[in-house]
């Protein structure tokens, strides 16, 4: 009890998919597992489709930066005082 959790949420994707083998050739496939979300020691470190984010339609019109600069590679901005 009291230990931080590491969690991976996977999604089964189906369709006309491609893979690359160890020699660099393409292989066709019909399904694959994709990493949707990864939580490491209780913090989100990967969020492929933004499932942990607020929906922009539910935020006020003047909403500011979303995400966490300590891990979120999708935002690169200058910190503006008072924002």
PDB file of N, CA and C in Angstrom:
ATOM      1  N   UNK A   1       0.819  -1.176   0.000  1.00  0.00           N
ATOM      2  CA  UNK A   1       0.000   0.000   0.000  1.00  0.00           C
ATOM      3  C   UNK A   1       0.865   1.242   0.000  1.00  0.00           C
ATOM      4  N   UNK A   2       0.381   2.274  -0.714  1.00  0.00           N
ATOM      5  CA  UNK A   2       1.100   3.531  -0.737  1.00  0.00           C
ATOM      6  C   UNK A   2       2.129   3.649  -1.834  1.00  0.00           C
ATOM      7  N   UNK A   3       2.301   2.617  -2.649  1.00  0.00           N
ATOM      8  CA  UNK A   3       3.282   2.678  -3.737  1.00  0.00           C
ATOM      9  C   UNK A   3       2.674   3.363  -4.954  1.00  0.00           C
ATOM     10  N   UNK A   4       3.498   4.110  -5.702  1.00  0.00           N
ATOM     11  CA  UNK A   4       3.053   4.742  -6.933  1.00  0.00           C
ATOM     12  C   UNK A   4       2.835   3.682  -8.005  1.00  0.00           C
ATOM     13  N   UNK A   5       1.857   3.925  -8.871  1.00  0.00           N
ATOM     14  CA  UNK A   5       1.518   2.954  -9.911  1.00  0.00           C
ATOM     15  C   UNK A   5       2.095   3.359 -11.264  1.00  0.00           C
ATOM     16  N   UNK A   6       2.498   2.368 -12.032  1.00  0.00           N
ATOM     17  CA  UNK A   6       2.848   2.534 -13.434  1.00  0.00           C
ATOM     18  C   UNK A   6       1.762   1.809 -14.215  1.00  0.00           C
ATOM     19  N   UNK A   7       1.089   2.538 -15.112  1.00  0.00           N
ATOM     20  CA  UNK A   7      -0.047   1.979 -15.837  1.00  0.00           C
ATOM     21  C   UNK A   7       0.094   2.270 -17.320  1.00  0.00           C
ATOM     22  N   UNK A   8      -0.216   1.273 -18.139  1.00  0.00           N
ATOM     23  CA  UNK A   8      -0.275   1.466 -19.591  1.00  0.00           C
ATOM     24  C   UNK A   8      -1.682   1.123 -20.055  1.00  0.00           C
ATOM     25  N   UNK A   9      -2.293   2.040 -20.798  1.00  0.00           N
ATOM     26  CA  UNK A   9      -3.606   1.807 -21.388  1.00  0.00           C
ATOM     27  C   UNK A   9      -3.382   1.585 -22.873  1.00  0.00           C
ATOM     28  N   UNK A  10      -3.783   0.412 -23.358  1.00  0.00           N
ATOM     29  CA  UNK A  10      -3.574   0.050 -24.758  1.00  0.00           C
ATOM     30  C   UNK A  10      -4.899   0.032 -25.494  1.00  0.00           C
ATOM     31  N   UNK A  11      -4.849   0.354 -26.780  1.00  0.00           N
ATOM     32  CA  UNK A  11      -6.037   0.319 -27.632  1.00  0.00           C
ATOM     33  C   UNK A  11      -5.778  -0.652 -28.773  1.00  0.00           C
ATOM     34  N   UNK A  12      -6.750  -1.503 -29.050  1.00  0.00           N
ATOM     35  CA  UNK A  12      -6.649  -2.412 -30.182  1.00  0.00           C
ATOM     36  C   UNK A  12      -7.158  -1.677 -31.417  1.00  0.00           C
ATOM     37  N   UNK A  13      -6.272  -1.451 -32.359  1.00  0.00           N
ATOM     38  CA  UNK A  13      -6.627  -0.769 -33.601  1.00  0.00           C
ATOM     39  C   UNK A  13      -6.781  -1.808 -34.700  1.00  0.00           C
ATOM     40  N   UNK A  14      -7.855  -1.689 -35.465  1.00  0.00           N
ATOM     41  CA  UNK A  14      -8.109  -2.633 -36.555  1.00  0.00           C
ATOM     42  C   UNK A  14      -8.223  -1.875 -37.858  1.00  0.00           C
ATOM     43  N   UNK A  15      -7.783  -2.515 -38.930  1.00  0.00           N
ATOM     44  CA  UNK A  15      -7.877  -1.896 -40.245  1.00  0.00           C
ATOM     45  C   UNK A  15      -6.770  -2.404 -41.145  1.00  0.00           C
ATOM     46  N   UNK A  16      -6.522  -1.671 -42.210  1.00  0.00           N
ATOM     47  CA  UNK A  16      -5.435  -1.993 -43.148  1.00  0.00           C
ATOM     48  C   UNK A  16      -4.182  -1.317 -42.615  1.00  0.00           C
ATOM     49  N   UNK A  17      -3.377  -2.054 -41.876  1.00  0.00           N
ATOM     50  CA  UNK A  17      -2.243  -1.490 -41.153  1.00  0.00           C
ATOM     51  C   UNK A  17      -0.930  -2.013 -41.711  1.00  0.00           C
ATOM     52  N   UNK A  18       0.128  -1.274 -41.477  1.00  0.00           N
ATOM     53  CA  UNK A  18       1.441  -1.702 -41.925  1.00  0.00           C
ATOM     54  C   UNK A  18       2.427  -1.776 -40.783  1.00  0.00           C
ATOM     55  N   UNK A  19       3.352  -2.683 -40.922  1.00  0.00           N
ATOM     56  CA  UNK A  19       4.429  -2.872 -39.953  1.00  0.00           C
ATOM     57  C   UNK A  19       5.730  -2.953 -40.729  1.00  0.00           C
ATOM     58  N   UNK A  20       6.838  -2.704 -40.053  1.00  0.00           N
ATOM     59  CA  UNK A  20       8.155  -2.825 -40.683  1.00  0.00           C
ATOM     60  C   UNK A  20       8.901  -3.944 -39.971  1.00  0.00           C
ATOM     61  N   UNK A  21       9.433  -4.904 -40.760  1.00  0.00           N
ATOM     62  CA  UNK A  21      10.152  -6.016 -40.135  1.00  0.00           C
ATOM     63  C   UNK A  21      11.585  -5.620 -39.820  1.00  0.00           C
ATOM     64  N   UNK A  22      12.343  -6.542 -39.249  1.00  0.00           N
ATOM     65  CA  UNK A  22      13.703  -6.236 -38.789  1.00  0.00           C
ATOM     66  C   UNK A  22      14.669  -5.912 -39.928  1.00  0.00           C
ATOM     67  N   UNK A  23      14.310  -6.248 -41.152  1.00  0.00           N
ATOM     68  CA  UNK A  23      15.142  -5.895 -42.304  1.00  0.00           C
ATOM     69  C   UNK A  23      14.652  -4.657 -43.035  1.00  0.00           C
ATOM     70  N   UNK A  24      13.589  -4.035 -42.528  1.00  0.00           N
ATOM     71  CA  UNK A  24      13.093  -2.802 -43.114  1.00  0.00           C
ATOM     72  C   UNK A  24      12.010  -2.981 -44.158  1.00  0.00           C
ATOM     73  N   UNK A  25      11.533  -4.206 -44.384  1.00  0.00           N
ATOM     74  CA  UNK A  25      10.470  -4.442 -45.358  1.00  0.00           C
ATOM     75  C   UNK A  25       9.107  -4.257 -44.696  1.00  0.00           C
ATOM     76  N   UNK A  26       8.125  -3.877 -45.501  1.00  0.00           N
ATOM     77  CA  UNK A  26       6.763  -3.672 -44.988  1.00  0.00           C
ATOM     78  C   UNK A  26       6.028  -5.002 -44.903  1.00  0.00           C
ATOM     79  N   UNK A  27       5.289  -5.123 -43.818  1.00  0.00           N
ATOM     80  CA  UNK A  27       4.424  -6.278 -43.622  1.00  0.00           C
ATOM     81  C   UNK A  27       3.012  -5.748 -43.400  1.00  0.00           C
ATOM     82  N   UNK A  28       2.032  -6.366 -44.039  1.00  0.00           N
ATOM     83  CA  UNK A  28       0.645  -5.957 -43.857  1.00  0.00           C
ATOM     84  C   UNK A  28       0.067  -6.615 -42.612  1.00  0.00           C
ATOM     85  N   UNK A  29      -0.855  -5.929 -41.977  1.00  0.00           N
ATOM     86  CA  UNK A  29      -1.527  -6.473 -40.809  1.00  0.00           C
ATOM     87  C   UNK A  29      -2.942  -5.946 -40.715  1.00  0.00           C
ATOM     88  N   UNK A  30      -3.734  -6.581 -39.892  1.00  0.00           N
ATOM     89  CA  UNK A  30      -5.132  -6.183 -39.738  1.00  0.00           C
ATOM     90  C   UNK A  30      -5.440  -5.602 -38.358  1.00  0.00           C
ATOM     91  N   UNK A  31      -4.518  -5.770 -37.397  1.00  0.00           N
ATOM     92  CA  UNK A  31      -4.739  -5.206 -36.069  1.00  0.00           C
ATOM     93  C   UNK A  31      -3.414  -5.012 -35.354  1.00  0.00           C
ATOM     94  N   UNK A  32      -3.402  -4.036 -34.439  1.00  0.00           N
ATOM     95  CA  UNK A  32      -2.210  -3.816 -33.614  1.00  0.00           C
ATOM     96  C   UNK A  32      -2.600  -3.109 -32.329  1.00  0.00           C
ATOM     97  N   UNK A  33      -1.763  -3.259 -31.331  1.00  0.00           N
ATOM     98  CA  UNK A  33      -1.954  -2.563 -30.068  1.00  0.00           C
ATOM     99  C   UNK A  33      -1.202  -1.243 -30.121  1.00  0.00           C
ATOM    100  N   UNK A  34      -1.870  -0.161 -29.695  1.00  0.00           N
ATOM    101  CA  UNK A  34      -1.237   1.148 -29.624  1.00  0.00           C
ATOM    102  C   UNK A  34      -1.258   1.627 -28.177  1.00  0.00           C
ATOM    103  N   UNK A  35      -0.182   2.263 -27.773  1.00  0.00           N
ATOM    104  CA  UNK A  35      -0.138   2.853 -26.434  1.00  0.00           C
ATOM    105  C   UNK A  35      -0.972   4.127 -26.448  1.00  0.00           C
ATOM    106  N   UNK A  36      -2.066   4.108 -25.727  1.00  0.00           N
ATOM    107  CA  UNK A  36      -2.995   5.248 -25.663  1.00  0.00           C
ATOM    108  C   UNK A  36      -2.593   6.200 -24.539  1.00  0.00           C
ATOM    109  N   UNK A  37      -2.238   5.634 -23.376  1.00  0.00           N
ATOM    110  CA  UNK A  37      -1.940   6.444 -22.200  1.00  0.00           C
ATOM    111  C   UNK A  37      -0.928   5.701 -21.343  1.00  0.00           C
ATOM    112  N   UNK A  38       0.043   6.424 -20.807  1.00  0.00           N
ATOM    113  CA  UNK A  38       1.009   5.839 -19.885  1.00  0.00           C
ATOM    114  C   UNK A  38       1.101   6.724 -18.650  1.00  0.00           C
ATOM    115  N   UNK A  39       0.987   6.095 -17.499  1.00  0.00           N
ATOM    116  CA  UNK A  39       1.122   6.786 -16.219  1.00  0.00           C
ATOM    117  C   UNK A  39       2.328   6.190 -15.521  1.00  0.00           C
ATOM    118  N   UNK A  40       3.254   7.040 -15.121  1.00  0.00           N
ATOM    119  CA  UNK A  40       4.481   6.598 -14.443  1.00  0.00           C
ATOM    120  C   UNK A  40       4.547   7.278 -13.098  1.00  0.00           C
ATOM    121  N   UNK A  41       4.670   6.519 -12.067  1.00  0.00           N
ATOM    122  CA  UNK A  41       4.697   7.014 -10.683  1.00  0.00           C
ATOM    123  C   UNK A  41       3.590   8.039 -10.429  1.00  0.00           C
ATOM    124  N   UNK A  42       2.397   7.708 -10.928  1.00  0.00           N
ATOM    125  CA  UNK A  42       1.238   8.542 -10.666  1.00  0.00           C
ATOM    126  C   UNK A  42       1.071   9.761 -11.555  1.00  0.00           C
ATOM    127  N   UNK A  43       1.941   9.952 -12.552  1.00  0.00           N
ATOM    128  CA  UNK A  43       1.846  11.112 -13.447  1.00  0.00           C
ATOM    129  C   UNK A  43       1.702  10.656 -14.886  1.00  0.00           C
ATOM    130  N   UNK A  44       0.871  11.363 -15.637  1.00  0.00           N
ATOM    131  CA  UNK A  44       0.714  11.067 -17.059  1.00  0.00           C
ATOM    132  C   UNK A  44       2.009  11.447 -17.772  1.00  0.00           C
ATOM    133  N   UNK A  45       2.591  10.488 -18.520  1.00  0.00           N
ATOM    134  CA  UNK A  45       3.801  10.774 -19.297  1.00  0.00           C
ATOM    135  C   UNK A  45       3.585  10.573 -20.788  1.00  0.00           C
ATOM    136  N   UNK A  46       2.441  10.002 -21.191  1.00  0.00           N
ATOM    137  CA  UNK A  46       2.104   9.845 -22.606  1.00  0.00           C
ATOM    138  C   UNK A  46       0.588   9.837 -22.719  1.00  0.00           C
ATOM    139  N   UNK A  47       0.055  10.669 -23.607  1.00  0.00           N
ATOM    140  CA  UNK A  47      -1.383  10.778 -23.802  1.00  0.00           C
ATOM    141  C   UNK A  47      -1.615  10.993 -25.294  1.00  0.00           C
ATOM    142  N   UNK A  48      -1.668   9.894 -26.043  1.00  0.00           N
ATOM    143  CA  UNK A  48      -1.702   9.936 -27.501  1.00  0.00           C
ATOM    144  C   UNK A  48      -2.818  10.805 -28.063  1.00  0.00           C
ATOM    145  N   UNK A  49      -4.014  10.653 -27.559  1.00  0.00           N
ATOM    146  CA  UNK A  49      -5.169  11.352 -28.123  1.00  0.00           C
ATOM    147  C   UNK A  49      -5.792  12.371 -27.180  1.00  0.00           C
ATOM    148  N   UNK A  50      -5.050  12.769 -26.167  1.00  0.00           N
ATOM    149  CA  UNK A  50      -5.532  13.813 -25.267  1.00  0.00           C
ATOM    150  C   UNK A  50      -6.706  13.407 -24.400  1.00  0.00           C
ATOM    151  N   UNK A  51      -6.795  12.124 -24.048  1.00  0.00           N
ATOM    152  CA  UNK A  51      -7.956  11.669 -23.280  1.00  0.00           C
ATOM    153  C   UNK A  51      -7.982  12.216 -21.855  1.00  0.00           C
ATOM    154  N   UNK A  52      -6.850  12.717 -21.358  1.00  0.00           N
ATOM    155  CA  UNK A  52      -6.834  13.304 -20.015  1.00  0.00           C
ATOM    156  C   UNK A  52      -7.015  14.817 -20.053  1.00  0.00           C
ATOM    157  N   UNK A  53      -7.147  15.383 -21.241  1.00  0.00           N
ATOM    158  CA  UNK A  53      -7.248  16.839 -21.395  1.00  0.00           C
ATOM    159  C   UNK A  53      -8.699  17.324 -21.313  1.00  0.00           C
ATOM    160  N   UNK A  54      -8.842  18.600 -21.020  1.00  0.00           N
ATOM    161  CA  UNK A  54     -10.150  19.237 -21.061  1.00  0.00           C
ATOM    162  C   UNK A  54     -10.557  19.454 -22.511  1.00  0.00           C
ATOM    163  N   UNK A  55     -11.829  19.251 -22.804  1.00  0.00           N
ATOM    164  CA  UNK A  55     -12.362  19.508 -24.144  1.00  0.00           C
ATOM    165  C   UNK A  55     -12.395  21.022 -24.359  1.00  0.00           C
ATOM    166  N   UNK A  56     -11.793  21.488 -25.437  1.00  0.00           N
ATOM    167  CA  UNK A  56     -11.681  22.937 -25.680  1.00  0.00           C
ATOM    168  C   UNK A  56     -13.053  23.604 -25.752  1.00  0.00           C
ATOM    169  N   UNK A  57     -14.098  22.862 -26.136  1.00  0.00           N
ATOM    170  CA  UNK A  57     -15.443  23.441 -26.223  1.00  0.00           C
ATOM    171  C   UNK A  57     -16.041  23.716 -24.849  1.00  0.00           C
ATOM    172  N   UNK A  58     -15.470  23.097 -23.803  1.00  0.00           N
ATOM    173  CA  UNK A  58     -15.988  23.290 -22.450  1.00  0.00           C
ATOM    174  C   UNK A  58     -15.155  24.292 -21.649  1.00  0.00           C
ATOM    175  N   UNK A  59     -14.104  24.825 -22.251  1.00  0.00           N
ATOM    176  CA  UNK A  59     -13.257  25.807 -21.580  1.00  0.00           C
ATOM    177  C   UNK A  59     -13.744  27.211 -21.919  1.00  0.00           C
ATOM    178  N   UNK A  60     -13.420  28.202 -21.072  1.00  0.00           N
ATOM    179  CA  UNK A  60     -13.818  29.572 -21.390  1.00  0.00           C
ATOM    180  C   UNK A  60     -13.098  30.055 -22.652  1.00  0.00           C
ATOM    181  N   UNK A  61     -13.656  31.033 -23.358  1.00  0.00           N
ATOM    182  CA  UNK A  61     -13.056  31.506 -24.611  1.00  0.00           C
ATOM    183  C   UNK A  61     -11.604  31.957 -24.478  1.00  0.00           C
ATOM    184  N   UNK A  62     -11.215  32.444 -23.316  1.00  0.00           N
ATOM    185  CA  UNK A  62      -9.850  32.942 -23.124  1.00  0.00           C
ATOM    186  C   UNK A  62      -8.955  31.943 -22.388  1.00  0.00           C
ATOM    187  N   UNK A  63      -9.255  30.642 -22.563  1.00  0.00           N
ATOM    188  CA  UNK A  63      -8.458  29.647 -21.834  1.00  0.00           C
ATOM    189  C   UNK A  63      -6.978  29.758 -22.227  1.00  0.00           C
ATOM    190  N   UNK A  64      -6.121  29.412 -21.286  1.00  0.00           N
ATOM    191  CA  UNK A  64      -4.683  29.515 -21.507  1.00  0.00           C
ATOM    192  C   UNK A  64      -4.071  28.174 -21.864  1.00  0.00           C
ATOM    193  N   UNK A  65      -2.775  28.088 -21.673  1.00  0.00           N
ATOM    194  CA  UNK A  65      -2.034  26.878 -22.010  1.00  0.00           C
ATOM    195  C   UNK A  65      -2.554  25.686 -21.224  1.00  0.00           C
ATOM    196  N   UNK A  66      -2.623  24.558 -21.874  1.00  0.00           N
ATOM    197  CA  UNK A  66      -3.069  23.317 -21.259  1.00  0.00           C
ATOM    198  C   UNK A  66      -1.872  22.376 -21.183  1.00  0.00           C
ATOM    199  N   UNK A  67      -1.940  21.375 -20.335  1.00  0.00           N
ATOM    200  CA  UNK A  67      -0.862  20.403 -20.241  1.00  0.00           C
ATOM    201  C   UNK A  67       0.113  20.726 -19.133  1.00  0.00           C
ATOM    202  N   UNK A  68       1.207  20.007 -19.126  1.00  0.00           N
ATOM    203  CA  UNK A  68       2.222  20.112 -18.082  1.00  0.00           C
ATOM    204  C   UNK A  68       3.579  20.227 -18.751  1.00  0.00           C
ATOM    205  N   UNK A  69       4.228  21.363 -18.592  1.00  0.00           N
ATOM    206  CA  UNK A  69       5.526  21.598 -19.231  1.00  0.00           C
ATOM    207  C   UNK A  69       6.595  20.579 -18.852  1.00  0.00           C
ATOM    208  N   UNK A  70       6.432  19.912 -17.712  1.00  0.00           N
ATOM    209  CA  UNK A  70       7.475  18.981 -17.291  1.00  0.00           C
ATOM    210  C   UNK A  70       7.513  17.710 -18.129  1.00  0.00           C
ATOM    211  N   UNK A  71       6.450  17.410 -18.877  1.00  0.00           N
ATOM    212  CA  UNK A  71       6.469  16.210 -19.718  1.00  0.00           C
ATOM    213  C   UNK A  71       5.831  16.409 -21.079  1.00  0.00           C
ATOM    214  N   UNK A  72       5.022  17.428 -21.241  1.00  0.00           N
ATOM    215  CA  UNK A  72       4.203  17.586 -22.434  1.00  0.00           C
ATOM    216  C   UNK A  72       5.009  18.154 -23.594  1.00  0.00           C
ATOM    217  N   UNK A  73       5.395  17.298 -24.504  1.00  0.00           N
ATOM    218  CA  UNK A  73       6.215  17.725 -25.644  1.00  0.00           C
ATOM    219  C   UNK A  73       5.406  18.445 -26.710  1.00  0.00           C
ATOM    220  N   UNK A  74       4.087  18.526 -26.546  1.00  0.00           N
ATOM    221  CA  UNK A  74       3.275  19.200 -27.558  1.00  0.00           C
ATOM    222  C   UNK A  74       3.235  20.699 -27.364  1.00  0.00           C
ATOM    223  N   UNK A  75       3.692  21.185 -26.215  1.00  0.00           N
ATOM    224  CA  UNK A  75       3.678  22.636 -26.001  1.00  0.00           C
ATOM    225  C   UNK A  75       5.083  23.131 -25.735  1.00  0.00           C
ATOM    226  N   UNK A  76       5.438  24.117 -26.482  1.00  0.00           N
ATOM    227  CA  UNK A  76       6.725  24.803 -26.295  1.00  0.00           C
ATOM    228  C   UNK A  76       6.405  26.281 -26.290  1.00  0.00           C
ATOM    229  N   UNK A  77       6.376  26.860 -25.147  1.00  0.00           N
ATOM    230  CA  UNK A  77       6.022  28.271 -25.077  1.00  0.00           C
ATOM    231  C   UNK A  77       6.867  28.960 -24.031  1.00  0.00           C
ATOM    232  N   UNK A  78       6.861  30.243 -24.152  1.00  0.00           N
ATOM    233  CA  UNK A  78       7.542  31.085 -23.176  1.00  0.00           C
ATOM    234  C   UNK A  78       6.584  31.342 -22.043  1.00  0.00           C
ATOM    235  N   UNK A  79       7.045  31.210 -20.821  1.00  0.00           N
ATOM    236  CA  UNK A  79       6.185  31.475 -19.665  1.00  0.00           C
ATOM    237  C   UNK A  79       5.975  32.979 -19.568  1.00  0.00           C
ATOM    238  N   UNK A  80       4.716  33.381 -19.555  1.00  0.00           N
ATOM    239  CA  UNK A  80       4.366  34.798 -19.484  1.00  0.00           C
ATOM    240  C   UNK A  80       3.873  35.076 -18.065  1.00  0.00           C
ATOM    241  N   UNK A  81       4.539  35.993 -17.344  1.00  0.00           N
ATOM    242  CA  UNK A  81       4.135  36.285 -15.967  1.00  0.00           C
ATOM    243  C   UNK A  81       2.659  36.684 -15.894  1.00  0.00           C
ATOM    244  N   UNK A  82       1.964  36.152 -14.896  1.00  0.00           N
ATOM    245  CA  UNK A  82       0.563  36.488 -14.696  1.00  0.00           C
ATOM    246  C   UNK A  82      -0.388  35.711 -15.572  1.00  0.00           C
ATOM    247  N   UNK A  83       0.112  34.758 -16.313  1.00  0.00           N
ATOM    248  CA  UNK A  83      -0.763  33.983 -17.190  1.00  0.00           C
ATOM    249  C   UNK A  83      -0.897  32.572 -16.695  1.00  0.00           C
TER     250      UNK A  83
END
